[in-house]
Every structure is written in structure tokens, then in C-alpha cells.
Amino acid sequence: MPTYDETVKAINDEIEKWERIYAGTEFDDGAENDARCKMFPDCRGCPADYVHDNNRCDPEYADWHYHQITIHNARTHRTVQCKFCEKQALNVRNSLIALLPVVDEMFEKEAI
């Protein structure tokens, strides 16, 4: 199981990645370039799974992914291609920021 510091670093790395995606200097390739997916390959222990309890990622990411596939036919190397993409990229980033206090809660419960 990753440590508190490793988990926070993975989320911060993801926040920075989504800021770059929003800026147009990075792409999303799903689990292939996701620090959390690499750290929690089966989703167990991931802060998103802790919140959503569904062995899936954040709903905001699911919305981004669905839009990318259905509107832009982007199966890999997904990028911001329209105003809706911009909004979705920011939503994903914001959902990651919201996970940071969840990590605190997860590790507090673990310590009890």
C-alpha cells in the first residue's frame, strides 16, 4: 500500500498534468499516463475509489473520456479540442484537488 506522501504526490502530479492538458501541452492517455492508476492498478486503495466506492475513476474523468471518444473519436492521446473539452479538463483537475482532503481522511482512519 502506498504511503500518505506517495499518494499525495501522485495526486499533485495528476493536478499538474491536467493543468498541462488544459493548457494544450499534454495529453490524456488514460491509465498509461496516470500516476494514480500506476499506484493503484486495481483501483483498490485509490482515493477516487474511496470516495465513489465503485472501482471506477472520478465521474468527471468519465465525462471527459466519454466526450473525447464520442465527439472527437479520440481513443488515445486525448487533448483539449473544443470549449467543452476545456471545461471538462478543469473539472477533472478540480476533482483531483478535492481528493487531497480525502487522502487525509483515509490515512487517519487507517491509523485508528
PDB file of N, CA and C in Angstrom:
ATOM      1  N   MET A   1       0.852  -1.189   0.000  1.00  0.00           N
ATOM      2  CA  MET A   1       0.000   0.000   0.000  1.00  0.00           C
ATOM      3  C   MET A   1       0.890   1.242   0.000  1.00  0.00           C
ATOM      4  N   PRO A   2       0.619   2.165  -0.890  1.00  0.00           N
ATOM      5  CA  PRO A   2       1.412   3.405  -0.928  1.00  0.00           C
ATOM      6  C   PRO A   2       1.266   4.201   0.367  1.00  0.00           C
ATOM      7  N   THR A   3       2.268   4.979   0.659  1.00  0.00           N
ATOM      8  CA  THR A   3       2.248   5.822   1.847  1.00  0.00           C
ATOM      9  C   THR A   3       1.411   7.072   1.594  1.00  0.00           C
ATOM     10  N   TYR A   4       1.170   7.800   2.665  1.00  0.00           N
ATOM     11  CA  TYR A   4       0.466   9.081   2.569  1.00  0.00           C
ATOM     12  C   TYR A   4       1.195  10.005   1.599  1.00  0.00           C
ATOM     13  N   ASP A   5       2.503  10.161   1.800  1.00  0.00           N
ATOM     14  CA  ASP A   5       3.283  11.073   0.964  1.00  0.00           C
ATOM     15  C   ASP A   5       3.265  10.649  -0.510  1.00  0.00           C
ATOM     16  N   GLU A   6       3.360   9.369  -0.780  1.00  0.00           N
ATOM     17  CA  GLU A   6       3.321   8.877  -2.161  1.00  0.00           C
ATOM     18  C   GLU A   6       1.961   9.153  -2.807  1.00  0.00           C
ATOM     19  N   THR A   7       0.900   8.975  -2.028  1.00  0.00           N
ATOM     20  CA  THR A   7      -0.448   9.198  -2.541  1.00  0.00           C
ATOM     21  C   THR A   7      -0.672  10.680  -2.848  1.00  0.00           C
ATOM     22  N   VAL A   8      -0.265  11.545  -1.930  1.00  0.00           N
ATOM     23  CA  VAL A   8      -0.399  12.993  -2.153  1.00  0.00           C
ATOM     24  C   VAL A   8       0.426  13.424  -3.361  1.00  0.00           C
ATOM     25  N   LYS A   9       1.637  12.886  -3.491  1.00  0.00           N
ATOM     26  CA  LYS A   9       2.481  13.234  -4.639  1.00  0.00           C
ATOM     27  C   LYS A   9       1.815  12.805  -5.950  1.00  0.00           C
ATOM     28  N   ALA A  10       1.237  11.612  -5.970  1.00  0.00           N
ATOM     29  CA  ALA A  10       0.563  11.130  -7.191  1.00  0.00           C
ATOM     30  C   ALA A  10      -0.586  12.057  -7.570  1.00  0.00           C
ATOM     31  N   ILE A  11      -1.363  12.490  -6.594  1.00  0.00           N
ATOM     32  CA  ILE A  11      -2.483  13.396  -6.901  1.00  0.00           C
ATOM     33  C   ILE A  11      -1.954  14.739  -7.364  1.00  0.00           C
ATOM     34  N   ASN A  12      -0.939  15.269  -6.697  1.00  0.00           N
ATOM     35  CA  ASN A  12      -0.362  16.547  -7.126  1.00  0.00           C
ATOM     36  C   ASN A  12       0.216  16.451  -8.539  1.00  0.00           C
ATOM     37  N   ASP A  13       0.850  15.328  -8.850  1.00  0.00           N
ATOM     38  CA  ASP A  13       1.359  15.109 -10.208  1.00  0.00           C
ATOM     39  C   ASP A  13       0.211  15.120 -11.219  1.00  0.00           C
ATOM     40  N   GLU A  14      -0.913  14.511 -10.844  1.00  0.00           N
ATOM     41  CA  GLU A  14      -2.078  14.480 -11.719  1.00  0.00           C
ATOM     42  C   GLU A  14      -2.684  15.877 -11.891  1.00  0.00           C
ATOM     43  N   ILE A  15      -2.729  16.642 -10.824  1.00  0.00           N
ATOM     44  CA  ILE A  15      -3.243  18.020 -10.916  1.00  0.00           C
ATOM     45  C   ILE A  15      -2.396  18.797 -11.919  1.00  0.00           C
ATOM     46  N   GLU A  16      -1.091  18.676 -11.795  1.00  0.00           N
ATOM     47  CA  GLU A  16      -0.186  19.370 -12.728  1.00  0.00           C
ATOM     48  C   GLU A  16      -0.386  18.872 -14.157  1.00  0.00           C
ATOM     49  N   LYS A  17      -0.580  17.556 -14.320  1.00  0.00           N
ATOM     50  CA  LYS A  17      -0.813  17.004 -15.661  1.00  0.00           C
ATOM     51  C   LYS A  17      -2.075  17.599 -16.268  1.00  0.00           C
ATOM     52  N   TRP A  18      -3.148  17.690 -15.488  1.00  0.00           N
ATOM     53  CA  TRP A  18      -4.403  18.232 -16.029  1.00  0.00           C
ATOM     54  C   TRP A  18      -4.307  19.726 -16.291  1.00  0.00           C
ATOM     55  N   GLU A  19      -3.479  20.426 -15.560  1.00  0.00           N
ATOM     56  CA  GLU A  19      -3.232  21.836 -15.890  1.00  0.00           C
ATOM     57  C   GLU A  19      -2.525  21.941 -17.241  1.00  0.00           C
ATOM     58  N   ARG A  20      -1.606  21.010 -17.509  1.00  0.00           N
ATOM     59  CA  ARG A  20      -0.926  20.996 -18.807  1.00  0.00           C
ATOM     60  C   ARG A  20      -1.881  20.565 -19.928  1.00  0.00           C
ATOM     61  N   ILE A  21      -2.773  19.617 -19.635  1.00  0.00           N
ATOM     62  CA  ILE A  21      -3.770  19.217 -20.634  1.00  0.00           C
ATOM     63  C   ILE A  21      -4.637  20.420 -20.979  1.00  0.00           C
ATOM     64  N   TYR A  22      -5.083  21.135 -19.968  1.00  0.00           N
ATOM     65  CA  TYR A  22      -5.899  22.331 -20.200  1.00  0.00           C
ATOM     66  C   TYR A  22      -5.131  23.363 -21.034  1.00  0.00           C
ATOM     67  N   ALA A  23      -3.841  23.502 -20.764  1.00  0.00           N
ATOM     68  CA  ALA A  23      -3.010  24.468 -21.489  1.00  0.00           C
ATOM     69  C   ALA A  23      -2.640  23.987 -22.890  1.00  0.00           C
ATOM     70  N   GLY A  24      -2.908  22.729 -23.190  1.00  0.00           N
ATOM     71  CA  GLY A  24      -2.610  22.204 -24.514  1.00  0.00           C
ATOM     72  C   GLY A  24      -1.194  21.688 -24.690  1.00  0.00           C
ATOM     73  N   THR A  25      -0.497  21.454 -23.590  1.00  0.00           N
ATOM     74  CA  THR A  25       0.886  20.980 -23.685  1.00  0.00           C
ATOM     75  C   THR A  25       1.050  19.527 -23.248  1.00  0.00           C
ATOM     76  N   GLU A  26      -0.055  18.849 -22.969  1.00  0.00           N
ATOM     77  CA  GLU A  26      -0.019  17.456 -22.502  1.00  0.00           C
ATOM     78  C   GLU A  26      -1.250  16.765 -23.063  1.00  0.00           C
ATOM     79  N   PHE A  27      -1.267  15.451 -23.026  1.00  0.00           N
ATOM     80  CA  PHE A  27      -2.422  14.684 -23.465  1.00  0.00           C
ATOM     81  C   PHE A  27      -2.802  13.695 -22.378  1.00  0.00           C
ATOM     82  N   ASP A  28      -4.015  13.208 -22.471  1.00  0.00           N
ATOM     83  CA  ASP A  28      -4.506  12.171 -21.564  1.00  0.00           C
ATOM     84  C   ASP A  28      -4.463  10.853 -22.312  1.00  0.00           C
ATOM     85  N   ASP A  29      -3.853   9.873 -21.700  1.00  0.00           N
ATOM     86  CA  ASP A  29      -3.811   8.537 -22.288  1.00  0.00           C
ATOM     87  C   ASP A  29      -4.304   7.505 -21.275  1.00  0.00           C
ATOM     88  N   GLY A  30      -5.304   7.924 -20.495  1.00  0.00           N
ATOM     89  CA  GLY A  30      -5.901   7.004 -19.527  1.00  0.00           C
ATOM     90  C   GLY A  30      -4.898   6.527 -18.495  1.00  0.00           C
ATOM     91  N   ALA A  31      -4.982   5.264 -18.164  1.00  0.00           N
ATOM     92  CA  ALA A  31      -4.116   4.680 -17.139  1.00  0.00           C
ATOM     93  C   ALA A  31      -2.642   4.704 -17.533  1.00  0.00           C
ATOM     94  N   GLU A  32      -2.378   4.816 -18.832  1.00  0.00           N
ATOM     95  CA  GLU A  32      -0.984   4.800 -19.302  1.00  0.00           C
ATOM     96  C   GLU A  32      -0.171   5.984 -18.798  1.00  0.00           C
ATOM     97  N   ASN A  33      -0.805   7.139 -18.591  1.00  0.00           N
ATOM     98  CA  ASN A  33      -0.054   8.280 -18.076  1.00  0.00           C
ATOM     99  C   ASN A  33      -0.758   8.902 -16.867  1.00  0.00           C
ATOM    100  N   ASP A  34      -1.265   8.036 -16.014  1.00  0.00           N
ATOM    101  CA  ASP A  34      -1.949   8.456 -14.794  1.00  0.00           C
ATOM    102  C   ASP A  34      -1.202   7.915 -13.580  1.00  0.00           C
ATOM    103  N   ALA A  35      -0.692   8.814 -12.764  1.00  0.00           N
ATOM    104  CA  ALA A  35       0.102   8.409 -11.598  1.00  0.00           C
ATOM    105  C   ALA A  35      -0.712   7.568 -10.621  1.00  0.00           C
ATOM    106  N   ARG A  36      -1.983   7.909 -10.448  1.00  0.00           N
ATOM    107  CA  ARG A  36      -2.806   7.123  -9.514  1.00  0.00           C
ATOM    108  C   ARG A  36      -3.061   5.721 -10.048  1.00  0.00           C
ATOM    109  N   CYS A  37      -3.329   5.598 -11.331  1.00  0.00           N
ATOM    110  CA  CYS A  37      -3.580   4.268 -11.899  1.00  0.00           C
ATOM    111  C   CYS A  37      -2.343   3.380 -11.797  1.00  0.00           C
ATOM    112  N   LYS A  38      -1.185   3.985 -11.933  1.00  0.00           N
ATOM    113  CA  LYS A  38       0.048   3.210 -11.787  1.00  0.00           C
ATOM    114  C   LYS A  38       0.245   2.786 -10.334  1.00  0.00           C
ATOM    115  N   MET A  39      -0.165   3.644  -9.415  1.00  0.00           N
ATOM    116  CA  MET A  39      -0.007   3.349  -7.994  1.00  0.00           C
ATOM    117  C   MET A  39      -1.079   2.370  -7.502  1.00  0.00           C
ATOM    118  N   PHE A  40      -2.287   2.461  -8.061  1.00  0.00           N
ATOM    119  CA  PHE A  40      -3.421   1.623  -7.655  1.00  0.00           C
ATOM    120  C   PHE A  40      -3.992   0.930  -8.894  1.00  0.00           C
ATOM    121  N   PRO A  41      -3.270  -0.033  -9.472  1.00  0.00           N
ATOM    122  CA  PRO A  41      -3.686  -0.618 -10.754  1.00  0.00           C
ATOM    123  C   PRO A  41      -5.046  -1.313 -10.724  1.00  0.00           C
ATOM    124  N   ASP A  42      -5.480  -1.800  -9.568  1.00  0.00           N
ATOM    125  CA  ASP A  42      -6.802  -2.433  -9.499  1.00  0.00           C
ATOM    126  C   ASP A  42      -7.822  -1.528  -8.815  1.00  0.00           C
ATOM    127  N   CYS A  43      -7.469  -0.254  -8.649  1.00  0.00           N
ATOM    128  CA  CYS A  43      -8.322   0.799  -8.061  1.00  0.00           C
ATOM    129  C   CYS A  43      -8.452   0.703  -6.539  1.00  0.00           C
ATOM    130  N   ARG A  44      -8.199  -0.448  -5.962  1.00  0.00           N
ATOM    131  CA  ARG A  44      -8.329  -0.578  -4.508  1.00  0.00           C
ATOM    132  C   ARG A  44      -7.286   0.279  -3.805  1.00  0.00           C
ATOM    133  N   GLY A  45      -7.770   1.099  -2.886  1.00  0.00           N
ATOM    134  CA  GLY A  45      -6.891   1.991  -2.155  1.00  0.00           C
ATOM    135  C   GLY A  45      -6.773   3.368  -2.782  1.00  0.00           C
ATOM    136  N   CYS A  46      -7.267   3.524  -4.001  1.00  0.00           N
ATOM    137  CA  CYS A  46      -7.214   4.824  -4.666  1.00  0.00           C
ATOM    138  C   CYS A  46      -8.201   5.765  -3.980  1.00  0.00           C
ATOM    139  N   PRO A  47      -7.797   7.005  -3.750  1.00  0.00           N
ATOM    140  CA  PRO A  47      -8.731   7.949  -3.129  1.00  0.00           C
ATOM    141  C   PRO A  47     -10.037   8.112  -3.910  1.00  0.00           C
ATOM    142  N   ALA A  48      -9.997   8.035  -5.237  1.00  0.00           N
ATOM    143  CA  ALA A  48     -11.235   8.145  -6.024  1.00  0.00           C
ATOM    144  C   ALA A  48     -12.162   6.968  -5.731  1.00  0.00           C
ATOM    145  N   ASP A  49     -11.604   5.789  -5.602  1.00  0.00           N
ATOM    146  CA  ASP A  49     -12.413   4.612  -5.273  1.00  0.00           C
ATOM    147  C   ASP A  49     -12.976   4.739  -3.862  1.00  0.00           C
ATOM    148  N   TYR A  50     -12.190   5.302  -2.963  1.00  0.00           N
ATOM    149  CA  TYR A  50     -12.630   5.522  -1.586  1.00  0.00           C
ATOM    150  C   TYR A  50     -13.864   6.419  -1.570  1.00  0.00           C
ATOM    151  N   VAL A  51     -13.868   7.456  -2.393  1.00  0.00           N
ATOM    152  CA  VAL A  51     -14.983   8.402  -2.446  1.00  0.00           C
ATOM    153  C   VAL A  51     -16.174   7.807  -3.189  1.00  0.00           C
ATOM    154  N   HIS A  52     -15.920   7.205  -4.341  1.00  0.00           N
ATOM    155  CA  HIS A  52     -17.009   6.772  -5.217  1.00  0.00           C
ATOM    156  C   HIS A  52     -17.402   5.321  -5.009  1.00  0.00           C
ATOM    157  N   ASP A  53     -16.544   4.549  -4.329  1.00  0.00           N
ATOM    158  CA  ASP A  53     -16.835   3.162  -3.961  1.00  0.00           C
ATOM    159  C   ASP A  53     -17.405   2.364  -5.131  1.00  0.00           C
ATOM    160  N   ASN A  54     -16.725   2.455  -6.261  1.00  0.00           N
ATOM    161  CA  ASN A  54     -17.270   1.764  -7.423  1.00  0.00           C
ATOM    162  C   ASN A  54     -16.199   1.172  -8.324  1.00  0.00           C
ATOM    163  N   ASN A  55     -14.974   1.085  -7.816  1.00  0.00           N
ATOM    164  CA  ASN A  55     -13.875   0.552  -8.623  1.00  0.00           C
ATOM    165  C   ASN A  55     -13.765   1.251  -9.970  1.00  0.00           C
ATOM    166  N   ARG A  56     -14.116   2.510  -9.975  1.00  0.00           N
ATOM    167  CA  ARG A  56     -14.002   3.311 -11.193  1.00  0.00           C
ATOM    168  C   ARG A  56     -13.403   4.649 -10.817  1.00  0.00           C
ATOM    169  N   CYS A  57     -13.099   5.388 -11.818  1.00  0.00           N
ATOM    170  CA  CYS A  57     -12.481   6.683 -11.583  1.00  0.00           C
ATOM    171  C   CYS A  57     -13.540   7.745 -11.305  1.00  0.00           C
ATOM    172  N   ASP A  58     -13.067   8.947 -11.146  1.00  0.00           N
ATOM    173  CA  ASP A  58     -13.949  10.069 -10.861  1.00  0.00           C
ATOM    174  C   ASP A  58     -14.999  10.226 -11.964  1.00  0.00           C
ATOM    175  N   PRO A  59     -16.228  10.594 -11.615  1.00  0.00           N
ATOM    176  CA  PRO A  59     -17.242  10.846 -12.652  1.00  0.00           C
ATOM    177  C   PRO A  59     -16.799  11.937 -13.626  1.00  0.00           C
ATOM    178  N   GLU A  60     -16.048  12.909 -13.143  1.00  0.00           N
ATOM    179  CA  GLU A  60     -15.572  13.976 -14.022  1.00  0.00           C
ATOM    180  C   GLU A  60     -14.661  13.416 -15.109  1.00  0.00           C
ATOM    181  N   TYR A  61     -13.817  12.446 -14.737  1.00  0.00           N
ATOM    182  CA  TYR A  61     -12.960  11.822 -15.752  1.00  0.00           C
ATOM    183  C   TYR A  61     -13.803  11.004 -16.733  1.00  0.00           C
ATOM    184  N   ALA A  62     -14.799  10.304 -16.222  1.00  0.00           N
ATOM    185  CA  ALA A  62     -15.670   9.518 -17.109  1.00  0.00           C
ATOM    186  C   ALA A  62     -16.364  10.419 -18.128  1.00  0.00           C
ATOM    187  N   ASP A  63     -16.796  11.607 -17.687  1.00  0.00           N
ATOM    188  CA  ASP A  63     -17.422  12.560 -18.612  1.00  0.00           C
ATOM    189  C   ASP A  63     -16.433  13.020 -19.681  1.00  0.00           C
ATOM    190  N   TRP A  64     -15.210  13.353 -19.261  1.00  0.00           N
ATOM    191  CA  TRP A  64     -14.150  13.751 -20.201  1.00  0.00           C
ATOM    192  C   TRP A  64     -13.917  12.638 -21.215  1.00  0.00           C
ATOM    193  N   HIS A  65     -13.731  11.427 -20.730  1.00  0.00           N
ATOM    194  CA  HIS A  65     -13.417  10.277 -21.569  1.00  0.00           C
ATOM    195  C   HIS A  65     -14.542  10.021 -22.571  1.00  0.00           C
ATOM    196  N   TYR A  66     -15.777  10.036 -22.107  1.00  0.00           N
ATOM    197  CA  TYR A  66     -16.929   9.808 -22.982  1.00  0.00           C
ATOM    198  C   TYR A  66     -16.984  10.871 -24.088  1.00  0.00           C
ATOM    199  N   HIS A  67     -16.805  12.123 -23.706  1.00  0.00           N
ATOM    200  CA  HIS A  67     -16.813  13.214 -24.685  1.00  0.00           C
ATOM    201  C   HIS A  67     -15.696  13.025 -25.713  1.00  0.00           C
ATOM    202  N   GLN A  68     -14.517  12.672 -25.241  1.00  0.00           N
ATOM    203  CA  GLN A  68     -13.379  12.500 -26.149  1.00  0.00           C
ATOM    204  C   GLN A  68     -13.648  11.405 -27.174  1.00  0.00           C
ATOM    205  N   ILE A  69     -14.235  10.306 -26.717  1.00  0.00           N
ATOM    206  CA  ILE A  69     -14.483   9.183 -27.627  1.00  0.00           C
ATOM    207  C   ILE A  69     -15.656   9.474 -28.558  1.00  0.00           C
ATOM    208  N   THR A  70     -16.756   9.978 -28.017  1.00  0.00           N
ATOM    209  CA  THR A  70     -17.961  10.129 -28.837  1.00  0.00           C
ATOM    210  C   THR A  70     -17.924  11.348 -29.752  1.00  0.00           C
ATOM    211  N   ILE A  71     -17.332  12.437 -29.300  1.00  0.00           N
ATOM    212  CA  ILE A  71     -17.333  13.664 -30.104  1.00  0.00           C
ATOM    213  C   ILE A  71     -16.075  13.778 -30.966  1.00  0.00           C
ATOM    214  N   HIS A  72     -14.924  13.438 -30.402  1.00  0.00           N
ATOM    215  CA  HIS A  72     -13.655  13.637 -31.112  1.00  0.00           C
ATOM    216  C   HIS A  72     -13.025  12.334 -31.613  1.00  0.00           C
ATOM    217  N   ASN A  73     -13.675  11.201 -31.339  1.00  0.00           N
ATOM    218  CA  ASN A  73     -13.139   9.901 -31.744  1.00  0.00           C
ATOM    219  C   ASN A  73     -11.690   9.709 -31.282  1.00  0.00           C
ATOM    220  N   ALA A  74     -11.399  10.238 -30.098  1.00  0.00           N
ATOM    221  CA  ALA A  74     -10.036  10.178 -29.551  1.00  0.00           C
ATOM    222  C   ALA A  74      -9.937   9.020 -28.560  1.00  0.00           C
ATOM    223  N   ARG A  75      -9.363   7.950 -29.019  1.00  0.00           N
ATOM    224  CA  ARG A  75      -9.218   6.769 -28.160  1.00  0.00           C
ATOM    225  C   ARG A  75      -7.936   6.830 -27.338  1.00  0.00           C
ATOM    226  N   THR A  76      -6.921   7.455 -27.860  1.00  0.00           N
ATOM    227  CA  THR A  76      -5.661   7.663 -27.127  1.00  0.00           C
ATOM    228  C   THR A  76      -5.210   9.096 -27.374  1.00  0.00           C
ATOM    229  N   HIS A  77      -4.241   9.511 -26.625  1.00  0.00           N
ATOM    230  CA  HIS A  77      -3.675  10.856 -26.757  1.00  0.00           C
ATOM    231  C   HIS A  77      -4.777  11.922 -26.830  1.00  0.00           C
ATOM    232  N   ARG A  78      -5.673  11.872 -25.841  1.00  0.00           N
ATOM    233  CA  ARG A  78      -6.804  12.801 -25.799  1.00  0.00           C
ATOM    234  C   ARG A  78      -6.336  14.191 -25.371  1.00  0.00           C
ATOM    235  N   THR A  79      -6.785  15.205 -26.109  1.00  0.00           N
ATOM    236  CA  THR A  79      -6.378  16.589 -25.859  1.00  0.00           C
ATOM    237  C   THR A  79      -7.604  17.502 -25.854  1.00  0.00           C
ATOM    238  N   VAL A  80      -7.386  18.728 -25.407  1.00  0.00           N
ATOM    239  CA  VAL A  80      -8.442  19.739 -25.462  1.00  0.00           C
ATOM    240  C   VAL A  80      -8.625  20.142 -26.914  1.00  0.00           C
ATOM    241  N   GLN A  81      -9.850  19.945 -27.418  1.00  0.00           N
ATOM    242  CA  GLN A  81     -10.140  20.246 -28.825  1.00  0.00           C
ATOM    243  C   GLN A  81     -11.291  21.217 -29.002  1.00  0.00           C
ATOM    244  N   CYS A  82     -11.989  21.547 -27.914  1.00  0.00           N
ATOM    245  CA  CYS A  82     -13.119  22.465 -28.006  1.00  0.00           C
ATOM    246  C   CYS A  82     -13.363  23.090 -26.632  1.00  0.00           C
ATOM    247  N   LYS A  83     -14.283  24.012 -26.572  1.00  0.00           N
ATOM    248  CA  LYS A  83     -14.596  24.691 -25.303  1.00  0.00           C
ATOM    249  C   LYS A  83     -15.103  23.705 -24.256  1.00  0.00           C
ATOM    250  N   PHE A  84     -15.888  22.722 -24.687  1.00  0.00           N
ATOM    251  CA  PHE A  84     -16.385  21.727 -23.735  1.00  0.00           C
ATOM    252  C   PHE A  84     -15.225  20.916 -23.163  1.00  0.00           C
ATOM    253  N   CYS A  85     -14.260  20.587 -23.992  1.00  0.00           N
ATOM    254  CA  CYS A  85     -13.052  19.890 -23.511  1.00  0.00           C
ATOM    255  C   CYS A  85     -12.337  20.719 -22.442  1.00  0.00           C
ATOM    256  N   GLU A  86     -12.234  22.026 -22.677  1.00  0.00           N
ATOM    257  CA  GLU A  86     -11.592  22.905 -21.694  1.00  0.00           C
ATOM    258  C   GLU A  86     -12.307  22.800 -20.351  1.00  0.00           C
ATOM    259  N   LYS A  87     -13.628  22.887 -20.409  1.00  0.00           N
ATOM    260  CA  LYS A  87     -14.424  22.793 -19.176  1.00  0.00           C
ATOM    261  C   LYS A  87     -14.214  21.444 -18.501  1.00  0.00           C
ATOM    262  N   GLN A  88     -14.232  20.376 -19.279  1.00  0.00           N
ATOM    263  CA  GLN A  88     -14.058  19.034 -18.726  1.00  0.00           C
ATOM    264  C   GLN A  88     -12.671  18.857 -18.112  1.00  0.00           C
ATOM    265  N   ALA A  89     -11.645  19.374 -18.771  1.00  0.00           N
ATOM    266  CA  ALA A  89     -10.281  19.268 -18.232  1.00  0.00           C
ATOM    267  C   ALA A  89     -10.187  19.978 -16.879  1.00  0.00           C
ATOM    268  N   LEU A  90     -10.798  21.145 -16.773  1.00  0.00           N
ATOM    269  CA  LEU A  90     -10.806  21.861 -15.487  1.00  0.00           C
ATOM    270  C   LEU A  90     -11.606  21.103 -14.439  1.00  0.00           C
ATOM    271  N   ASN A  91     -12.702  20.480 -14.852  1.00  0.00           N
ATOM    272  CA  ASN A  91     -13.487  19.675 -13.908  1.00  0.00           C
ATOM    273  C   ASN A  91     -12.674  18.512 -13.358  1.00  0.00           C
ATOM    274  N   VAL A  92     -11.908  17.862 -14.226  1.00  0.00           N
ATOM    275  CA  VAL A  92     -11.064  16.750 -13.767  1.00  0.00           C
ATOM    276  C   VAL A  92     -10.011  17.275 -12.788  1.00  0.00           C
ATOM    277  N   ARG A  93      -9.362  18.381 -13.161  1.00  0.00           N
ATOM    278  CA  ARG A  93      -8.369  18.969 -12.260  1.00  0.00           C
ATOM    279  C   ARG A  93      -8.992  19.307 -10.905  1.00  0.00           C
ATOM    280  N   ASN A  94     -10.157  19.921 -10.927  1.00  0.00           N
ATOM    281  CA  ASN A  94     -10.814  20.298  -9.668  1.00  0.00           C
ATOM    282  C   ASN A  94     -11.209  19.082  -8.842  1.00  0.00           C
ATOM    283  N   SER A  95     -11.606  18.004  -9.504  1.00  0.00           N
ATOM    284  CA  SER A  95     -11.946  16.788  -8.758  1.00  0.00           C
ATOM    285  C   SER A  95     -10.703  16.201  -8.084  1.00  0.00           C
ATOM    286  N   LEU A  96      -9.560  16.363  -8.726  1.00  0.00           N
ATOM    287  CA  LEU A  96      -8.307  15.900  -8.120  1.00  0.00           C
ATOM    288  C   LEU A  96      -7.937  16.752  -6.906  1.00  0.00           C
ATOM    289  N   ILE A  97      -8.120  18.050  -7.022  1.00  0.00           N
ATOM    290  CA  ILE A  97      -7.856  18.938  -5.881  1.00  0.00           C
ATOM    291  C   ILE A  97      -8.752  18.534  -4.702  1.00  0.00           C
ATOM    292  N   ALA A  98     -10.001  18.188  -4.997  1.00  0.00           N
ATOM    293  CA  ALA A  98     -10.942  17.784  -3.954  1.00  0.00           C
ATOM    294  C   ALA A  98     -10.553  16.452  -3.309  1.00  0.00           C
ATOM    295  N   LEU A  99      -9.709  15.665  -3.960  1.00  0.00           N
ATOM    296  CA  LEU A  99      -9.272  14.389  -3.379  1.00  0.00           C
ATOM    297  C   LEU A  99      -8.209  14.564  -2.300  1.00  0.00           C
ATOM    298  N   LEU A 100      -7.515  15.685  -2.289  1.00  0.00           N
ATOM    299  CA  LEU A 100      -6.434  15.856  -1.318  1.00  0.00           C
ATOM    300  C   LEU A 100      -6.918  15.726   0.133  1.00  0.00           C
ATOM    301  N   PRO A 101      -8.030  16.349   0.552  1.00  0.00           N
ATOM    302  CA  PRO A 101      -8.500  16.126   1.921  1.00  0.00           C
ATOM    303  C   PRO A 101      -8.964  14.691   2.166  1.00  0.00           C
ATOM    304  N   VAL A 102      -9.376  14.010   1.108  1.00  0.00           N
ATOM    305  CA  VAL A 102      -9.795  12.612   1.231  1.00  0.00           C
ATOM    306  C   VAL A 102      -8.612  11.746   1.637  1.00  0.00           C
ATOM    307  N   VAL A 103      -7.443  12.054   1.109  1.00  0.00           N
ATOM    308  CA  VAL A 103      -6.243  11.297   1.482  1.00  0.00           C
ATOM    309  C   VAL A 103      -5.992  11.444   2.976  1.00  0.00           C
ATOM    310  N   ASP A 104      -6.151  12.659   3.498  1.00  0.00           N
ATOM    311  CA  ASP A 104      -6.002  12.860   4.943  1.00  0.00           C
ATOM    312  C   ASP A 104      -6.962  11.954   5.712  1.00  0.00           C
ATOM    313  N   GLU A 105      -8.215  11.942   5.287  1.00  0.00           N
ATOM    314  CA  GLU A 105      -9.228  11.125   5.956  1.00  0.00           C
ATOM    315  C   GLU A 105      -8.896   9.642   5.859  1.00  0.00           C
ATOM    316  N   MET A 106      -8.477   9.192   4.687  1.00  0.00           N
ATOM    317  CA  MET A 106      -8.141   7.781   4.505  1.00  0.00           C
ATOM    318  C   MET A 106      -7.038   7.346   5.458  1.00  0.00           C
ATOM    319  N   PHE A 107      -6.009   8.156   5.553  1.00  0.00           N
ATOM    320  CA  PHE A 107      -4.870   7.769   6.379  1.00  0.00           C
ATOM    321  C   PHE A 107      -5.168   7.952   7.870  1.00  0.00           C
ATOM    322  N   GLU A 108      -6.073   8.863   8.219  1.00  0.00           N
ATOM    323  CA  GLU A 108      -6.495   8.985   9.627  1.00  0.00           C
ATOM    324  C   GLU A 108      -7.247   7.732  10.053  1.00  0.00           C
ATOM    325  N   LYS A 109      -8.169   7.252   9.198  1.00  0.00           N
ATOM    326  CA  LYS A 109      -8.923   6.041   9.519  1.00  0.00           C
ATOM    327  C   LYS A 109      -8.016   4.827   9.599  1.00  0.00           C
ATOM    328  N   GLU A 110      -7.018   4.791   8.732  1.00  0.00           N
ATOM    329  CA  GLU A 110      -6.077   3.681   8.708  1.00  0.00           C
ATOM    330  C   GLU A 110      -5.266   3.627   9.999  1.00  0.00           C
ATOM    331  N   ALA A 111      -4.984   4.793  10.567  1.00  0.00           N
ATOM    332  CA  ALA A 111      -4.165   4.868  11.778  1.00  0.00           C
ATOM    333  C   ALA A 111      -4.933   4.440  13.013  1.00  0.00           C
ATOM    334  N   ILE A 112      -6.255   4.455  12.961  1.00  0.00           N
ATOM    335  CA  ILE A 112      -7.069   4.121  14.132  1.00  0.00           C
ATOM    336  C   ILE A 112      -7.066   2.645  14.382  1.00  0.00           C
TER     337      ILE A 112
END
